[in-house]
Amino acid sequence: MNEASGSYDADVIADIATWFTDGGRPVDRIVRCPDETLPTPDKLDAAGVGILAIYAGDGTTNSALKAAAGWDGAVLILPGGTMNLLARALHGESSCEEIVARACAERRTRRLSTVEIGNNIAYVGVIAGPTTSWAKVRENARHTEVADLMFTAIPEAISETLSGPEVGIEGQTETFPAIFAAPRESSMALCGFTASNIGEVVAHASAWLGGDFREGPRVDLGEAARATLVSEAETIGLLIDGEAAECAPGDSLRLGHAPHNFITTCSPEGVDPAARS
């Protein structure tokens, strides 16, 4: 669990432990990050862990999955952050209590597709381009740093969105303030975020602060298993499941497959985790 996460609640942690106990799977240990080291496959195997439950936001969840890569147990993603996009893909809009109860009663797992670039793996998606500066806005808003938000973060984000070097996909003529790639079953869904006027920039700001950046103005760019980024910038800003990184023009987004068994509690007719956009 991440104590710095956007929707962290100490009382919920105690409740989660109780729900697992009620479901016949008592919690052996709670790892609190960033103060404690995230569990590795060796540590999970040595402890005889059957289910690794992660209660955090998408970014911290990504870090925990990276640390546990190669472990054969079942991973249960719980909504403990601001957007919780991966948890929503696996469980719909269910509460933590409902998810734990269903996971304890019936452990259905599946592998998910991912988006990879360099050594980075995204389970929700990758954003590439100047609009990644809105991550700072959202982070400051989450920690209620109002002065920095009003006088620094928002003006900088607007300036970068409107004037920063745009990003495109090799083979396509149009460029955008940012490209978004989301994993699907057998390809990546690609779109370009648009910000040609102040109204669209405000719409992006509203989407970011509202909790789902995917609601911002965008253009569908189709699907592909691989897409090479082009830009006049020396480096391209990235958000990997919401966490900052960077790449160079010429680097490629590519479809990958997660090295984990994810527990899903959606009905077979419900939300398809591989079909998120």
Protein backbone atom coordinates (compact mmCIF):
# COMPACT_ATOMS: atom_id res chain seq x y z
CA MET A 1 0.00 0.00 0.00
CA ASN A 2 1.09 3.57 -0.64
CA GLU A 3 0.45 5.93 2.27
CA ALA A 4 1.02 8.94 -0.03
CA SER A 5 -1.59 7.82 -2.53
CA GLY A 6 -4.45 10.10 -3.48
CA SER A 7 -7.21 8.12 -1.75
CA TYR A 8 -5.19 6.42 0.99
CA ASP A 9 -7.23 5.80 4.12
CA ALA A 10 -5.66 4.15 7.17
CA ASP A 11 -9.04 2.81 8.27
CA VAL A 12 -9.47 1.07 4.93
CA ILE A 13 -6.19 -0.82 5.47
CA ALA A 14 -7.56 -2.34 8.67
CA ASP A 15 -10.82 -3.10 6.90
CA ILE A 16 -9.02 -4.81 3.99
CA ALA A 17 -7.22 -7.10 6.44
CA THR A 18 -10.55 -7.94 8.07
CA TRP A 19 -12.20 -8.66 4.70
CA PHE A 20 -9.41 -11.07 3.76
CA THR A 21 -9.76 -12.84 7.12
CA ASP A 22 -13.51 -13.08 6.66
CA GLY A 23 -12.86 -14.61 3.24
CA GLY A 24 -10.61 -17.30 4.70
CA ARG A 25 -7.33 -15.71 3.52
CA PRO A 26 -5.78 -13.83 6.46
CA VAL A 27 -3.16 -11.19 5.66
CA ASP A 28 0.38 -12.31 6.51
CA ARG A 29 2.14 -8.96 6.14
CA ILE A 30 1.48 -5.35 5.13
CA VAL A 31 4.21 -3.51 3.21
CA ARG A 32 4.02 0.28 3.50
CA CYS A 33 5.69 2.20 0.71
CA PRO A 34 7.69 4.26 0.13
CA ASP A 35 9.13 3.52 3.59
CA GLU A 36 9.53 -0.23 3.02
CA THR A 37 11.09 -2.19 0.15
CA LEU A 38 8.62 -3.58 -2.34
CA PRO A 39 8.46 -7.41 -2.34
CA THR A 40 10.48 -9.34 -4.93
CA PRO A 41 9.67 -12.81 -6.32
CA ASP A 42 12.22 -14.46 -3.99
CA LYS A 43 10.69 -12.83 -0.93
CA LEU A 44 7.16 -13.69 -2.01
CA ASP A 45 8.10 -17.33 -2.64
CA ALA A 46 10.02 -17.58 0.64
CA ALA A 47 7.00 -16.28 2.53
CA GLY A 48 4.65 -18.69 0.76
CA VAL A 49 2.45 -15.84 -0.50
CA GLY A 50 -0.52 -16.93 -2.60
CA ILE A 51 -2.04 -13.52 -3.33
CA LEU A 52 -0.19 -10.22 -3.60
CA ALA A 53 -2.76 -7.49 -2.99
CA ILE A 54 -1.74 -3.98 -4.04
CA TYR A 55 -3.70 -1.06 -2.59
CA ALA A 56 -2.26 2.02 -4.30
CA GLY A 57 -2.60 4.30 -7.29
CA ASP A 58 -1.63 3.34 -10.82
CA GLY A 59 1.94 4.67 -10.53
CA THR A 60 2.82 2.88 -7.29
CA THR A 61 1.05 -0.21 -8.57
CA ASN A 62 3.35 -0.14 -11.60
CA SER A 63 6.42 0.01 -9.32
CA ALA A 64 5.16 -2.91 -7.22
CA LEU A 65 4.49 -4.98 -10.34
CA LYS A 66 7.97 -4.22 -11.64
CA ALA A 67 9.51 -5.37 -8.35
CA ALA A 68 7.47 -8.61 -8.42
CA ALA A 69 8.01 -9.38 -12.12
CA GLY A 70 8.52 -13.10 -12.68
CA TRP A 71 6.51 -14.21 -9.65
CA ASP A 72 3.92 -16.88 -10.51
CA GLY A 73 1.36 -16.04 -7.82
CA ALA A 74 -1.89 -14.12 -8.22
CA VAL A 75 -1.92 -10.31 -8.10
CA LEU A 76 -4.98 -8.49 -6.80
CA ILE A 77 -5.19 -4.79 -7.69
CA LEU A 78 -7.29 -2.71 -5.29
CA PRO A 79 -8.39 0.91 -5.92
CA GLY A 80 -6.17 2.96 -3.63
CA GLY A 81 -5.22 5.97 -5.73
CA THR A 82 -6.63 8.93 -7.62
CA MET A 83 -7.70 7.41 -10.94
CA ASN A 84 -7.45 3.66 -10.27
CA LEU A 85 -7.64 2.86 -13.97
CA LEU A 86 -6.10 -0.61 -13.71
CA ALA A 87 -8.34 -1.57 -10.79
CA ARG A 88 -11.38 -0.33 -12.71
CA ALA A 89 -10.33 -2.36 -15.75
CA LEU A 90 -10.09 -5.53 -13.70
CA HIS A 91 -13.03 -5.00 -11.35
CA GLY A 92 -15.29 -2.33 -12.82
CA GLU A 93 -16.51 0.21 -10.28
CA SER A 94 -16.66 -2.30 -7.39
CA SER A 95 -15.56 -1.26 -3.91
CA CYS A 96 -12.52 -2.73 -2.16
CA GLU A 97 -14.80 -4.81 0.04
CA GLU A 98 -16.64 -6.29 -2.93
CA ILE A 99 -13.39 -7.01 -4.79
CA VAL A 100 -11.79 -8.80 -1.83
CA ALA A 101 -14.89 -10.88 -1.16
CA ARG A 102 -15.12 -12.03 -4.79
CA ALA A 103 -11.38 -12.70 -5.03
CA CYS A 104 -11.45 -14.87 -1.93
CA ALA A 105 -14.47 -16.80 -3.13
CA GLU A 106 -13.29 -17.38 -6.70
CA ARG A 107 -9.77 -16.69 -7.89
CA ARG A 108 -10.07 -16.08 -11.63
CA THR A 109 -6.86 -14.80 -13.19
CA ARG A 110 -5.82 -13.57 -16.58
CA ARG A 111 -2.80 -12.11 -18.33
CA LEU A 112 -3.02 -8.56 -19.61
CA SER A 113 -1.49 -6.81 -22.57
CA THR A 114 0.85 -3.88 -21.88
CA VAL A 115 2.49 -0.99 -23.66
CA GLU A 116 6.28 -0.99 -23.53
CA ILE A 117 8.84 1.65 -24.43
CA GLY A 118 12.51 1.19 -23.60
CA ASN A 119 12.63 -0.64 -20.26
CA ASN A 120 9.26 0.79 -19.18
CA ILE A 121 6.07 -1.25 -18.98
CA ALA A 122 2.66 0.41 -18.75
CA TYR A 123 -0.44 -1.49 -17.68
CA VAL A 124 -2.83 1.44 -18.19
CA GLY A 125 -1.04 3.34 -20.93
CA VAL A 126 1.74 5.68 -22.02
CA ILE A 127 1.41 9.40 -22.68
CA ALA A 128 4.23 10.95 -24.73
CA GLY A 129 4.62 14.69 -25.26
CA PRO A 130 4.47 18.15 -23.65
CA THR A 131 1.06 17.59 -22.04
CA THR A 132 2.79 15.25 -19.60
CA SER A 133 3.44 18.50 -17.69
CA TRP A 134 -0.16 18.24 -16.44
CA ALA A 135 1.03 15.44 -14.15
CA LYS A 136 2.67 18.10 -11.98
CA VAL A 137 -0.61 19.98 -11.84
CA ARG A 138 -2.46 16.89 -10.68
CA GLU A 139 0.25 16.04 -8.12
CA ASN A 140 0.15 19.55 -6.65
CA ALA A 141 -3.64 19.48 -6.57
CA ARG A 142 -3.54 16.16 -4.75
CA HIS A 143 -1.30 17.63 -2.06
CA THR A 144 -3.26 20.93 -1.99
CA GLU A 145 -0.27 23.09 -2.87
CA VAL A 146 -2.61 25.82 -4.06
CA ALA A 147 -0.07 28.63 -4.48
CA ASP A 148 2.26 26.52 -6.60
CA LEU A 149 -0.69 25.21 -8.53
CA MET A 150 -2.02 28.66 -9.44
CA PHE A 151 1.21 30.56 -10.02
CA THR A 152 3.60 27.89 -11.32
CA ALA A 153 2.23 24.49 -12.33
CA ILE A 154 -0.84 25.56 -14.34
CA PRO A 155 0.87 28.41 -16.27
CA GLU A 156 3.82 26.14 -17.09
CA ALA A 157 1.53 23.35 -18.23
CA ILE A 158 -0.45 25.70 -20.47
CA SER A 159 2.75 27.16 -21.95
CA GLU A 160 4.25 23.74 -22.66
CA THR A 161 1.00 22.42 -24.09
CA LEU A 162 0.62 25.30 -26.53
CA SER A 163 4.26 25.90 -27.48
CA GLY A 164 6.25 22.72 -26.80
CA PRO A 165 7.48 20.57 -29.71
CA GLU A 166 4.68 18.27 -30.80
CA VAL A 167 4.85 14.50 -31.14
CA GLY A 168 3.74 12.27 -33.98
CA ILE A 169 3.87 8.68 -35.15
CA GLU A 170 6.18 7.67 -37.96
CA GLY A 171 4.22 7.22 -41.17
CA GLN A 172 1.50 9.70 -40.17
CA THR A 173 1.59 13.39 -41.08
CA GLU A 174 -0.27 14.94 -38.15
CA THR A 175 1.47 15.84 -34.88
CA PHE A 176 -0.02 16.48 -31.43
CA PRO A 177 0.85 17.89 -28.02
CA ALA A 178 0.79 14.28 -26.84
CA ILE A 179 0.26 10.74 -28.05
CA PHE A 180 -1.56 8.21 -25.88
CA ALA A 181 -1.12 4.46 -26.30
CA ALA A 182 -3.32 2.01 -24.40
CA PRO A 183 -3.00 -1.80 -24.41
CA ARG A 184 -5.65 -3.96 -26.01
CA GLU A 185 -5.81 -7.70 -26.58
CA SER A 186 -3.68 -7.86 -29.74
CA SER A 187 -2.69 -4.25 -30.45
CA MET A 188 -2.29 -0.79 -28.96
CA ALA A 189 -5.07 1.78 -29.25
CA LEU A 190 -3.49 5.09 -30.29
CA CYS A 191 -4.83 8.61 -30.07
CA GLY A 192 -3.48 12.13 -30.27
CA PHE A 193 -4.43 14.69 -27.63
CA THR A 194 -5.33 18.02 -29.22
CA ALA A 195 -4.69 21.48 -27.76
CA SER A 196 -4.98 23.96 -30.61
CA ASN A 197 -6.72 26.61 -28.53
CA ILE A 198 -7.17 27.66 -24.92
CA GLY A 199 -10.55 25.92 -24.75
CA GLU A 200 -8.99 22.53 -25.46
CA VAL A 201 -6.22 23.24 -22.95
CA VAL A 202 -8.83 24.01 -20.30
CA ALA A 203 -10.63 20.78 -21.23
CA HIS A 204 -7.38 18.86 -20.69
CA ALA A 205 -6.89 20.55 -17.34
CA SER A 206 -10.42 19.60 -16.32
CA ALA A 207 -9.84 15.98 -17.41
CA TRP A 208 -6.56 15.73 -15.49
CA LEU A 209 -7.91 17.30 -12.32
CA GLY A 210 -11.15 15.35 -12.64
CA GLY A 211 -9.32 12.05 -12.39
CA ASP A 212 -9.34 10.65 -15.94
CA PHE A 213 -6.95 12.20 -18.46
CA ARG A 214 -8.54 10.11 -21.24
CA GLU A 215 -11.54 12.46 -21.23
CA GLY A 216 -9.48 15.26 -22.80
CA PRO A 217 -9.91 16.33 -26.48
CA ARG A 218 -8.36 13.72 -28.76
CA VAL A 219 -8.16 12.23 -32.27
CA ASP A 220 -8.32 8.48 -32.89
CA LEU A 221 -5.15 7.25 -34.61
CA GLY A 222 -6.13 3.61 -34.99
CA GLU A 223 -4.39 0.53 -33.63
CA ALA A 224 -0.92 -0.97 -34.07
CA ALA A 225 1.41 -3.47 -32.44
CA ARG A 226 4.29 -1.01 -32.76
CA ALA A 227 4.50 2.77 -33.24
CA THR A 228 7.65 4.89 -33.54
CA LEU A 229 7.55 8.37 -32.01
CA VAL A 230 8.80 11.38 -33.99
CA SER A 231 9.41 14.91 -32.71
CA GLU A 232 11.71 17.89 -33.14
CA ALA A 233 12.37 17.81 -29.39
CA GLU A 234 15.65 16.38 -28.09
CA THR A 235 13.76 14.31 -25.54
CA ILE A 236 10.09 13.39 -25.24
CA GLY A 237 8.38 13.47 -21.87
CA LEU A 238 6.55 10.29 -20.89
CA LEU A 239 3.99 9.30 -18.32
CA ILE A 240 4.09 5.56 -17.63
CA ASP A 241 0.85 4.82 -15.80
CA GLY A 242 1.09 8.38 -14.50
CA GLU A 243 4.76 8.29 -13.48
CA ALA A 244 7.26 10.54 -15.24
CA ALA A 245 9.93 9.19 -17.59
CA GLU A 246 11.39 10.21 -20.94
CA CYS A 247 12.50 8.80 -24.27
CA ALA A 248 14.12 10.02 -27.47
CA PRO A 249 12.58 10.61 -30.91
CA GLY A 250 12.82 7.35 -32.82
CA ASP A 251 11.97 5.22 -29.79
CA SER A 252 9.02 2.89 -30.30
CA LEU A 253 5.89 2.08 -28.36
CA ARG A 254 5.22 -1.65 -28.62
CA LEU A 255 2.61 -4.13 -27.50
CA GLY A 256 3.75 -6.41 -24.71
CA HIS A 257 2.33 -8.96 -22.30
CA ALA A 258 2.32 -8.60 -18.54
CA PRO A 259 4.50 -11.02 -16.56
CA HIS A 260 1.76 -11.48 -13.94
CA ASN A 261 -1.45 -13.38 -13.24
CA PHE A 262 -4.04 -10.71 -12.42
CA ILE A 263 -7.15 -11.56 -10.44
CA THR A 264 -10.26 -10.20 -12.17
CA THR A 265 -13.65 -10.04 -10.49
CA CYS A 266 -15.61 -8.72 -13.47
CA SER A 267 -18.23 -11.08 -14.84
CA PRO A 268 -17.29 -12.70 -18.17
CA GLU A 269 -19.85 -10.41 -19.80
CA GLY A 270 -18.53 -7.35 -17.95
CA VAL A 271 -15.57 -5.08 -18.42
CA ASP A 272 -12.78 -6.56 -20.52
CA PRO A 273 -9.45 -5.55 -18.92
CA ALA A 274 -7.71 -5.78 -22.29
CA ALA A 275 -10.19 -3.45 -23.98
CA ARG A 276 -9.59 -0.30 -21.97
CA SER A 277 -9.04 2.94 -23.83
